Structures are given as C-alpha cells and as structure tokens.
PDB file of N, CA and C in Angstrom:
ATOM      1  N   UNK A   1      -4.206   8.891  -4.366  1.00  0.00           N
ATOM      2  CA  UNK A   1      -4.399  10.142  -3.498  1.00  0.00           C
ATOM      3  C   UNK A   1      -3.338  11.061  -4.138  1.00  0.00           C
ATOM      4  N   UNK A   2      -4.206  12.405  -4.388  1.00  0.00           N
ATOM      5  CA  UNK A   2      -3.316  13.565  -5.030  1.00  0.00           C
ATOM      6  C   UNK A   2      -2.707  14.403  -3.896  1.00  0.00           C
ATOM      7  N   UNK A   3      -1.247  14.587  -4.497  1.00  0.00           N
ATOM      8  CA  UNK A   3      -0.450  15.499  -3.918  1.00  0.00           C
ATOM      9  C   UNK A   3      -1.353  16.554  -2.948  1.00  0.00           C
ATOM     10  N   UNK A   4      -2.037  17.285  -3.546  1.00  0.00           N
ATOM     11  CA  UNK A   4      -2.798  18.184  -2.734  1.00  0.00           C
ATOM     12  C   UNK A   4      -3.458  18.215  -1.638  1.00  0.00           C
ATOM     13  N   UNK A   5      -3.858  16.930  -1.614  1.00  0.00           N
ATOM     14  CA  UNK A   5      -4.858  16.554  -0.362  1.00  0.00           C
ATOM     15  C   UNK A   5      -3.925  16.010   0.466  1.00  0.00           C
ATOM     16  N   UNK A   6      -2.549  15.868   0.482  1.00  0.00           N
ATOM     17  CA  UNK A   6      -1.404  15.270   1.671  1.00  0.00           C
ATOM     18  C   UNK A   6      -1.667  16.278   3.028  1.00  0.00           C
ATOM     19  N   UNK A   7      -1.622  17.436   2.914  1.00  0.00           N
ATOM     20  CA  UNK A   7      -1.552  18.316   3.969  1.00  0.00           C
ATOM     21  C   UNK A   7      -2.829  18.269   4.583  1.00  0.00           C
ATOM     22  N   UNK A   8      -3.710  17.722   4.300  1.00  0.00           N
ATOM     23  CA  UNK A   8      -5.302  17.665   5.180  1.00  0.00           C
ATOM     24  C   UNK A   8      -5.256  16.306   5.770  1.00  0.00           C
ATOM     25  N   UNK A   9      -4.509  15.671   4.835  1.00  0.00           N
ATOM     26  CA  UNK A   9      -4.269  13.889   5.765  1.00  0.00           C
ATOM     27  C   UNK A   9      -3.325  13.893   6.586  1.00  0.00           C
ATOM     28  N   UNK A  10      -1.921  14.967   6.583  1.00  0.00           N
ATOM     29  CA  UNK A  10      -1.160  14.838   7.264  1.00  0.00           C
ATOM     30  C   UNK A  10      -1.690  15.491   8.907  1.00  0.00           C
ATOM     31  N   UNK A  11      -2.536  16.777   8.734  1.00  0.00           N
ATOM     32  CA  UNK A  11      -2.938  17.347   9.689  1.00  0.00           C
ATOM     33  C   UNK A  11      -4.055  16.640  10.666  1.00  0.00           C
ATOM     34  N   UNK A  12      -4.626  15.638   9.887  1.00  0.00           N
ATOM     35  CA  UNK A  12      -5.686  14.940  10.284  1.00  0.00           C
ATOM     36  C   UNK A  12      -5.145  13.880  11.483  1.00  0.00           C
ATOM     37  N   UNK A  13      -3.903  13.254  10.781  1.00  0.00           N
ATOM     38  CA  UNK A  13      -3.281  12.261  11.498  1.00  0.00           C
ATOM     39  C   UNK A  13      -2.434  12.743  12.882  1.00  0.00           C
ATOM     40  N   UNK A  14      -2.140  14.182  12.607  1.00  0.00           N
ATOM     41  CA  UNK A  14      -1.316  14.699  13.662  1.00  0.00           C
ATOM     42  C   UNK A  14      -2.117  14.829  15.178  1.00  0.00           C
ATOM     43  N   UNK A  15      -3.377  15.208  14.998  1.00  0.00           N
ATOM     44  CA  UNK A  15      -4.037  15.516  15.958  1.00  0.00           C
ATOM     45  C   UNK A  15      -4.351  14.351  17.122  1.00  0.00           C
ATOM     46  N   UNK A  16      -4.355  12.940  16.765  1.00  0.00           N
ATOM     47  CA  UNK A  16      -4.600  12.028  17.346  1.00  0.00           C
ATOM     48  C   UNK A  16      -3.008  11.711  17.772  1.00  0.00           C
ATOM     49  N   UNK A  17      -2.200  11.829  17.159  1.00  0.00           N
ATOM     50  CA  UNK A  17      -0.788  11.421  17.600  1.00  0.00           C
ATOM     51  C   UNK A  17      -0.123  12.370  18.528  1.00  0.00           C
ATOM     52  N   UNK A  18      -0.352  13.972  18.625  1.00  0.00           N
ATOM     53  CA  UNK A  18       0.030  14.631  19.549  1.00  0.00           C
ATOM     54  C   UNK A  18      -1.076  14.534  20.823  1.00  0.00           C
ATOM     55  N   UNK A  19      -2.277  13.709  20.815  1.00  0.00           N
ATOM     56  CA  UNK A  19      -2.885  13.473  22.032  1.00  0.00           C
ATOM     57  C   UNK A  19      -2.226  12.114  22.555  1.00  0.00           C
ATOM     58  N   UNK A  20      -1.961  11.240  21.705  1.00  0.00           N
ATOM     59  CA  UNK A  20      -1.216  10.162  22.383  1.00  0.00           C
ATOM     60  C   UNK A  20      -0.061  10.754  23.057  1.00  0.00           C
ATOM     61  N   UNK A  21       0.924  11.417  22.565  1.00  0.00           N
ATOM     62  CA  UNK A  21       2.049  12.200  23.128  1.00  0.00           C
ATOM     63  C   UNK A  21       1.670  13.071  24.446  1.00  0.00           C
ATOM     64  N   UNK A  22       0.643  13.357  24.437  1.00  0.00           N
ATOM     65  CA  UNK A  22       0.361  14.337  25.769  1.00  0.00           C
ATOM     66  C   UNK A  22      -0.055  13.515  26.651  1.00  0.00           C
ATOM     67  N   UNK A  23      -1.080  12.352  26.629  1.00  0.00           N
ATOM     68  CA  UNK A  23      -1.663  11.462  27.433  1.00  0.00           C
ATOM     69  C   UNK A  23      -0.651  10.418  27.683  1.00  0.00           C
ATOM     70  N   UNK A  24       0.255  10.094  26.929  1.00  0.00           N
ATOM     71  CA  UNK A  24       1.062   8.821  27.267  1.00  0.00           C
ATOM     72  C   UNK A  24       2.533   9.699  27.545  1.00  0.00           C
ATOM     73  N   UNK A  25       2.754  10.736  27.862  1.00  0.00           N
ATOM     74  CA  UNK A  25       4.013  11.273  27.973  1.00  0.00           C
ATOM     75  C   UNK A  25       4.002  11.875  29.659  1.00  0.00           C
ATOM     76  N   UNK A  26       2.641  12.081  30.187  1.00  0.00           N
ATOM     77  CA  UNK A  26       2.777  12.178  31.553  1.00  0.00           C
ATOM     78  C   UNK A  26       2.921  10.865  32.499  1.00  0.00           C
ATOM     79  N   UNK A  27       3.298  11.403  33.803  1.00  0.00           N
ATOM     80  CA  UNK A  27       3.250  10.066  34.488  1.00  0.00           C
ATOM     81  C   UNK A  27       2.052  10.211  35.326  1.00  0.00           C
ATOM     82  N   UNK A  28       1.712   8.874  35.902  1.00  0.00           N
ATOM     83  CA  UNK A  28       0.553   8.487  36.547  1.00  0.00           C
ATOM     84  C   UNK A  28       0.447   9.391  37.796  1.00  0.00           C
ATOM     85  N   UNK A  29      -0.712   9.762  38.143  1.00  0.00           N
ATOM     86  CA  UNK A  29      -0.867  10.539  39.212  1.00  0.00           C
ATOM     87  C   UNK A  29      -0.246   9.950  40.605  1.00  0.00           C
ATOM     88  N   UNK A  30      -0.588   8.783  40.789  1.00  0.00           N
ATOM     89  CA  UNK A  30      -0.283   7.958  41.999  1.00  0.00           C
ATOM     90  C   UNK A  30       1.453   8.183  42.154  1.00  0.00           C
ATOM     91  N   UNK A  31       2.103   7.584  41.264  1.00  0.00           N
ATOM     92  CA  UNK A  31       3.368   7.475  41.471  1.00  0.00           C
ATOM     93  C   UNK A  31       4.364   8.631  40.508  1.00  0.00           C
ATOM     94  N   UNK A  32       4.468   9.701  40.626  1.00  0.00           N
ATOM     95  CA  UNK A  32       5.046  10.973  39.662  1.00  0.00           C
ATOM     96  C   UNK A  32       6.547  10.767  39.380  1.00  0.00           C
ATOM     97  N   UNK A  33       7.195   9.585  40.076  1.00  0.00           N
ATOM     98  CA  UNK A  33       8.347   9.153  39.914  1.00  0.00           C
ATOM     99  C   UNK A  33       8.872   8.134  38.980  1.00  0.00           C
ATOM    100  N   UNK A  34       7.812   7.421  38.496  1.00  0.00           N
ATOM    101  CA  UNK A  34       7.768   6.220  37.755  1.00  0.00           C
ATOM    102  C   UNK A  34       8.063   6.528  36.079  1.00  0.00           C
ATOM    103  N   UNK A  35       7.896   7.788  35.813  1.00  0.00           N
ATOM    104  CA  UNK A  35       7.960   8.094  34.429  1.00  0.00           C
ATOM    105  C   UNK A  35       6.920   8.098  33.727  1.00  0.00           C
ATOM    106  N   UNK A  36       7.105   8.261  32.366  1.00  0.00           N
ATOM    107  CA  UNK A  36       5.591   8.464  31.265  1.00  0.00           C
ATOM    108  C   UNK A  36       4.934   7.139  31.491  1.00  0.00           C
ATOM    109  N   UNK A  37       3.566   7.326  30.987  1.00  0.00           N
ATOM    110  CA  UNK A  37       3.136   5.951  30.534  1.00  0.00           C
ATOM    111  C   UNK A  37       3.141   4.993  29.561  1.00  0.00           C
ATOM    112  N   UNK A  38       3.432   5.809  28.481  1.00  0.00           N
ATOM    113  CA  UNK A  38       4.419   4.842  27.285  1.00  0.00           C
ATOM    114  C   UNK A  38       5.869   4.665  27.407  1.00  0.00           C
ATOM    115  N   UNK A  39       6.371   3.579  26.731  1.00  0.00           N
ATOM    116  CA  UNK A  39       7.787   3.481  26.764  1.00  0.00           C
ATOM    117  C   UNK A  39       8.493   4.583  25.785  1.00  0.00           C
ATOM    118  N   UNK A  40       9.715   4.853  26.429  1.00  0.00           N
ATOM    119  CA  UNK A  40      10.443   6.091  25.683  1.00  0.00           C
ATOM    120  C   UNK A  40      10.480   5.679  23.909  1.00  0.00           C
ATOM    121  N   UNK A  41      10.740   4.627  23.942  1.00  0.00           N
ATOM    122  CA  UNK A  41      10.939   4.428  22.588  1.00  0.00           C
ATOM    123  C   UNK A  41       9.520   4.652  21.566  1.00  0.00           C
ATOM    124  N   UNK A  42       8.603   4.183  21.965  1.00  0.00           N
ATOM    125  CA  UNK A  42       7.113   4.715  21.489  1.00  0.00           C
ATOM    126  C   UNK A  42       6.987   6.285  21.499  1.00  0.00           C
ATOM    127  N   UNK A  43       7.394   6.811  22.440  1.00  0.00           N
ATOM    128  CA  UNK A  43       7.272   8.347  22.369  1.00  0.00           C
ATOM    129  C   UNK A  43       8.016   8.965  21.492  1.00  0.00           C
ATOM    130  N   UNK A  44       9.208   8.334  21.340  1.00  0.00           N
ATOM    131  CA  UNK A  44      10.228   8.788  20.165  1.00  0.00           C
ATOM    132  C   UNK A  44       9.864   8.885  18.665  1.00  0.00           C
ATOM    133  N   UNK A  45       8.900   7.444  18.863  1.00  0.00           N
ATOM    134  CA  UNK A  45       8.730   6.891  17.185  1.00  0.00           C
ATOM    135  C   UNK A  45       7.646   7.834  16.785  1.00  0.00           C
ATOM    136  N   UNK A  46       6.795   8.234  17.794  1.00  0.00           N
ATOM    137  CA  UNK A  46       5.516   8.838  17.650  1.00  0.00           C
ATOM    138  C   UNK A  46       5.742  10.249  17.058  1.00  0.00           C
ATOM    139  N   UNK A  47       6.720  10.786  17.941  1.00  0.00           N
ATOM    140  CA  UNK A  47       7.366  12.148  17.691  1.00  0.00           C
ATOM    141  C   UNK A  47       7.959  12.228  16.339  1.00  0.00           C
ATOM    142  N   UNK A  48       8.728  11.279  15.877  1.00  0.00           N
ATOM    143  CA  UNK A  48       9.595  11.190  14.663  1.00  0.00           C
ATOM    144  C   UNK A  48       8.595  10.990  13.332  1.00  0.00           C
ATOM    145  N   UNK A  49       7.558  10.271  13.508  1.00  0.00           N
ATOM    146  CA  UNK A  49       6.697  10.172  12.656  1.00  0.00           C
ATOM    147  C   UNK A  49       5.786  11.362  11.980  1.00  0.00           C
ATOM    148  N   UNK A  50       5.250  11.789  13.334  1.00  0.00           N
ATOM    149  CA  UNK A  50       4.488  13.073  13.190  1.00  0.00           C
ATOM    150  C   UNK A  50       5.350  14.289  12.609  1.00  0.00           C
ATOM    151  N   UNK A  51       6.610  14.171  13.188  1.00  0.00           N
ATOM    152  CA  UNK A  51       7.252  15.382  12.608  1.00  0.00           C
ATOM    153  C   UNK A  51       7.426  15.160  10.840  1.00  0.00           C
ATOM    154  N   UNK A  52       7.757  14.210  10.504  1.00  0.00           N
ATOM    155  CA  UNK A  52       8.136  13.723   8.930  1.00  0.00           C
ATOM    156  C   UNK A  52       6.999  14.235   8.286  1.00  0.00           C
ATOM    157  N   UNK A  53       5.628  13.500   8.760  1.00  0.00           N
ATOM    158  CA  UNK A  53       4.374  13.613   7.963  1.00  0.00           C
ATOM    159  C   UNK A  53       4.040  15.211   7.788  1.00  0.00           C
ATOM    160  N   UNK A  54       4.055  15.964   9.125  1.00  0.00           N
ATOM    161  CA  UNK A  54       3.973  17.570   9.094  1.00  0.00           C
ATOM    162  C   UNK A  54       4.648  18.380   8.277  1.00  0.00           C
ATOM    163  N   UNK A  55       5.668  17.782   8.406  1.00  0.00           N
ATOM    164  CA  UNK A  55       6.943  18.640   7.341  1.00  0.00           C
ATOM    165  C   UNK A  55       6.716  18.411   6.027  1.00  0.00           C
ATOM    166  N   UNK A  56       6.516  17.178   5.673  1.00  0.00           N
ATOM    167  CA  UNK A  56       6.082  17.012   4.256  1.00  0.00           C
ATOM    168  C   UNK A  56       4.593  17.443   3.757  1.00  0.00           C
ATOM    169  N   UNK A  57       4.112  17.751   4.721  1.00  0.00           N
ATOM    170  CA  UNK A  57       2.438  18.298   4.692  1.00  0.00           C
ATOM    171  C   UNK A  57       2.904  19.875   4.251  1.00  0.00           C
ATOM    172  N   UNK A  58       3.455  20.503   5.077  1.00  0.00           N
ATOM    173  CA  UNK A  58       3.911  21.951   4.982  1.00  0.00           C
ATOM    174  C   UNK A  58       4.429  22.106   3.661  1.00  0.00           C
ATOM    175  N   UNK A  59       5.596  21.500   3.154  1.00  0.00           N
ATOM    176  CA  UNK A  59       6.197  21.721   2.218  1.00  0.00           C
ATOM    177  C   UNK A  59       5.322  21.428   0.923  1.00  0.00           C
ATOM    178  N   UNK A  60       4.610  20.455   1.027  1.00  0.00           N
ATOM    179  CA  UNK A  60       3.773  20.056  -0.373  1.00  0.00           C
ATOM    180  C   UNK A  60       2.433  21.409  -0.448  1.00  0.00           C
ATOM    181  N   UNK A  61       1.930  21.671   0.793  1.00  0.00           N
ATOM    182  CA  UNK A  61       0.817  22.772   1.049  1.00  0.00           C
ATOM    183  C   UNK A  61       1.729  23.852   0.387  1.00  0.00           C
ATOM    184  N   UNK A  62       2.904  24.499   0.713  1.00  0.00           N
ATOM    185  CA  UNK A  62       3.634  25.621   0.053  1.00  0.00           C
ATOM    186  C   UNK A  62       3.559  25.378  -1.272  1.00  0.00           C
ATOM    187  N   UNK A  63       4.283  24.288  -1.992  1.00  0.00           N
ATOM    188  CA  UNK A  63       4.351  24.050  -3.256  1.00  0.00           C
ATOM    189  C   UNK A  63       3.101  24.448  -3.992  1.00  0.00           C
ATOM    190  N   UNK A  64       2.132  23.624  -3.366  1.00  0.00           N
ATOM    191  CA  UNK A  64       0.747  23.754  -4.392  1.00  0.00           C
ATOM    192  C   UNK A  64       0.058  25.127  -4.473  1.00  0.00           C
ATOM    193  N   UNK A  65       0.085  25.974  -3.063  1.00  0.00           N
ATOM    194  CA  UNK A  65      -0.247  27.010  -2.994  1.00  0.00           C
ATOM    195  C   UNK A  65       0.579  28.051  -3.773  1.00  0.00           C
ATOM    196  N   UNK A  66       1.894  27.790  -4.126  1.00  0.00           N
ATOM    197  CA  UNK A  66       2.758  28.708  -5.171  1.00  0.00           C
ATOM    198  C   UNK A  66       2.383  28.681  -6.306  1.00  0.00           C
ATOM    199  N   UNK A  67       1.882  27.525  -6.833  1.00  0.00           N
ATOM    200  CA  UNK A  67       1.728  26.680  -8.106  1.00  0.00           C
ATOM    201  C   UNK A  67       0.157  27.009  -8.469  1.00  0.00           C
ATOM    202  N   UNK A  68      -0.747  26.903  -7.689  1.00  0.00           N
ATOM    203  CA  UNK A  68      -2.034  26.877  -7.907  1.00  0.00           C
ATOM    204  C   UNK A  68      -2.822  28.120  -7.339  1.00  0.00           C
ATOM    205  N   UNK A  69      -2.301  28.952  -6.417  1.00  0.00           N
ATOM    206  CA  UNK A  69      -2.853  30.255  -5.733  1.00  0.00           C
ATOM    207  C   UNK A  69      -3.258  29.842  -4.172  1.00  0.00           C
ATOM    208  N   UNK A  70      -3.234  30.488  -3.317  1.00  0.00           N
ATOM    209  CA  UNK A  70      -3.815  30.106  -2.139  1.00  0.00           C
ATOM    210  C   UNK A  70      -5.240  30.406  -1.823  1.00  0.00           C
ATOM    211  N   UNK A  71      -5.761  29.507  -1.119  1.00  0.00           N
ATOM    212  CA  UNK A  71      -7.005  29.792  -0.589  1.00  0.00           C
ATOM    213  C   UNK A  71      -6.980  29.775   0.755  1.00  0.00           C
ATOM    214  N   UNK A  72      -8.066  30.212   1.570  1.00  0.00           N
ATOM    215  CA  UNK A  72      -8.370  30.131   2.906  1.00  0.00           C
ATOM    216  C   UNK A  72      -7.756  29.111   3.636  1.00  0.00           C
ATOM    217  N   UNK A  73      -8.616  27.794   3.170  1.00  0.00           N
ATOM    218  CA  UNK A  73      -8.405  26.539   3.808  1.00  0.00           C
ATOM    219  C   UNK A  73      -7.259  26.028   3.830  1.00  0.00           C
ATOM    220  N   UNK A  74      -6.572  26.214   2.498  1.00  0.00           N
ATOM    221  CA  UNK A  74      -4.992  25.643   2.379  1.00  0.00           C
ATOM    222  C   UNK A  74      -4.160  26.538   3.364  1.00  0.00           C
ATOM    223  N   UNK A  75      -4.056  27.772   3.451  1.00  0.00           N
ATOM    224  CA  UNK A  75      -3.544  28.657   4.086  1.00  0.00           C
ATOM    225  C   UNK A  75      -3.367  27.811   5.757  1.00  0.00           C
ATOM    226  N   UNK A  76      -4.775  27.739   6.277  1.00  0.00           N
ATOM    227  CA  UNK A  76      -4.813  27.080   7.585  1.00  0.00           C
ATOM    228  C   UNK A  76      -4.367  25.792   7.606  1.00  0.00           C
ATOM    229  N   UNK A  77      -4.352  25.113   6.702  1.00  0.00           N
ATOM    230  CA  UNK A  77      -3.956  23.634   6.753  1.00  0.00           C
ATOM    231  C   UNK A  77      -2.501  23.456   6.535  1.00  0.00           C
ATOM    232  N   UNK A  78      -1.838  24.515   5.961  1.00  0.00           N
ATOM    233  CA  UNK A  78      -0.668  24.183   5.937  1.00  0.00           C
ATOM    234  C   UNK A  78      -0.054  25.006   7.049  1.00  0.00           C
ATOM    235  N   UNK A  79      -0.406  25.867   7.576  1.00  0.00           N
ATOM    236  CA  UNK A  79      -0.241  26.831   8.882  1.00  0.00           C
ATOM    237  C   UNK A  79      -0.458  25.538  10.001  1.00  0.00           C
ATOM    238  N   UNK A  80      -1.316  24.961   9.937  1.00  0.00           N
ATOM    239  CA  UNK A  80      -1.652  23.788  11.021  1.00  0.00           C
ATOM    240  C   UNK A  80      -0.497  22.735  10.928  1.00  0.00           C
ATOM    241  N   UNK A  81      -0.013  22.305   9.534  1.00  0.00           N
ATOM    242  CA  UNK A  81       1.114  21.224   9.710  1.00  0.00           C
ATOM    243  C   UNK A  81       2.164  21.787  10.218  1.00  0.00           C
ATOM    244  N   UNK A  82       2.488  23.175   9.874  1.00  0.00           N
ATOM    245  CA  UNK A  82       3.872  23.809  10.441  1.00  0.00           C
ATOM    246  C   UNK A  82       3.912  23.746  11.962  1.00  0.00           C
ATOM    247  N   UNK A  83       2.883  24.472  12.479  1.00  0.00           N
ATOM    248  CA  UNK A  83       2.596  24.357  14.027  1.00  0.00           C
ATOM    249  C   UNK A  83       3.033  22.817  14.701  1.00  0.00           C
ATOM    250  N   UNK A  84       2.045  21.941  13.908  1.00  0.00           N
ATOM    251  CA  UNK A  84       2.165  20.603  14.602  1.00  0.00           C
ATOM    252  C   UNK A  84       3.451  20.104  14.364  1.00  0.00           C
ATOM    253  N   UNK A  85       4.161  20.560  13.244  1.00  0.00           N
ATOM    254  CA  UNK A  85       5.616  19.966  13.391  1.00  0.00           C
ATOM    255  C   UNK A  85       6.503  20.534  14.325  1.00  0.00           C
ATOM    256  N   UNK A  86       6.338  21.473  14.659  1.00  0.00           N
ATOM    257  CA  UNK A  86       7.002  22.146  15.602  1.00  0.00           C
ATOM    258  C   UNK A  86       6.712  21.827  16.815  1.00  0.00           C
ATOM    259  N   UNK A  87       5.441  21.210  17.097  1.00  0.00           N
ATOM    260  CA  UNK A  87       5.192  20.675  18.299  1.00  0.00           C
ATOM    261  C   UNK A  87       5.628  19.232  18.394  1.00  0.00           C
ATOM    262  N   UNK A  88       5.688  18.484  17.498  1.00  0.00           N
ATOM    263  CA  UNK A  88       6.674  17.288  17.357  1.00  0.00           C
ATOM    264  C   UNK A  88       7.854  17.460  17.755  1.00  0.00           C
ATOM    265  N   UNK A  89       8.622  18.357  17.100  1.00  0.00           N
ATOM    266  CA  UNK A  89      10.145  18.608  17.180  1.00  0.00           C
ATOM    267  C   UNK A  89      10.257  18.881  18.762  1.00  0.00           C
ATOM    268  N   UNK A  90       9.373  19.539  19.188  1.00  0.00           N
ATOM    269  CA  UNK A  90       9.631  19.908  20.442  1.00  0.00           C
ATOM    270  C   UNK A  90       9.465  18.669  21.477  1.00  0.00           C
ATOM    271  N   UNK A  91       8.284  18.205  21.153  1.00  0.00           N
ATOM    272  CA  UNK A  91       8.286  16.498  22.116  1.00  0.00           C
ATOM    273  C   UNK A  91       9.467  15.733  21.540  1.00  0.00           C
ATOM    274  N   UNK A  92      10.001  15.618  20.371  1.00  0.00           N
ATOM    275  CA  UNK A  92      11.462  14.946  20.164  1.00  0.00           C
ATOM    276  C   UNK A  92      12.457  15.457  20.911  1.00  0.00           C
ATOM    277  N   UNK A  93      12.838  16.574  20.997  1.00  0.00           N
ATOM    278  CA  UNK A  93      13.997  17.250  21.817  1.00  0.00           C
ATOM    279  C   UNK A  93      13.731  16.707  23.292  1.00  0.00           C
ATOM    280  N   UNK A  94      12.630  16.848  23.876  1.00  0.00           N
ATOM    281  CA  UNK A  94      12.220  16.727  25.368  1.00  0.00           C
ATOM    282  C   UNK A  94      12.121  14.975  25.342  1.00  0.00           C
ATOM    283  N   UNK A  95      12.097  14.164  24.571  1.00  0.00           N
ATOM    284  CA  UNK A  95      12.180  12.793  24.980  1.00  0.00           C
ATOM    285  C   UNK A  95      13.479  12.059  24.477  1.00  0.00           C
ATOM    286  N   UNK A  96      14.336  13.144  23.997  1.00  0.00           N
ATOM    287  CA  UNK A  96      15.558  12.416  23.498  1.00  0.00           C
ATOM    288  C   UNK A  96      16.363  12.195  24.583  1.00  0.00           C
ATOM    289  N   UNK A  97      16.937  10.776  24.900  1.00  0.00           N
ATOM    290  CA  UNK A  97      17.632  10.818  26.195  1.00  0.00           C
ATOM    291  C   UNK A  97      19.333  11.595  25.802  1.00  0.00           C
ATOM    292  N   UNK A  98      19.552  12.167  26.863  1.00  0.00           N
ATOM    293  CA  UNK A  98      20.940  12.782  26.759  1.00  0.00           C
ATOM    294  C   UNK A  98      21.891  12.394  27.700  1.00  0.00           C
TER     295      UNK A  98
END
C-alpha cells in the first residue's frame, strides 16, 4: 500500500465506524433509560480507532498535497478525513465517563 492511498482508505473505514457509533450509541426506543445499545468500552474503542486513522489520513493527505500538488479529489478526501476525525473526537468526549 502506498502512503498516498491511505487517506482514501481511512475515509472508507470512517463511514461504517461512524454509522456503528450512531446506531450503537442510541438507546432502544422501548426503554430510553437503559443506555446505549453497544457497551461503553466498545463505543470508546471505535471512537479512538476512528480518530487515530482519520488523523493519520489527514496528516498524510496534507503531506502528499504539499509535496506533489493538490488535486480536487485529494482536497476532498483530506477534508473528509479531518471532519471525520472531528466527529470521532466529539463522540469520544461524549462517551468518556467523567
């Protein structure tokens, strides 16, 4: 795998992980007091893994763009990784037990 393809792979992995957080983080309709559908540790692990891969995708995308020049597809992929990293960070803050 080349480093230039990592932002695309990271973004492709981020979409189902964000979906899992979205669906697994809500409580069942029948009993809203029961908590999320997925265990808390699972939600935290998904959030942290997604944050790490999306941050790496953003950094590698910016490095590649600075060295090789920017294309429209690369700008969108790098920005998508950055926004997904922000979404994972917000989910990580949401699920972190205080």
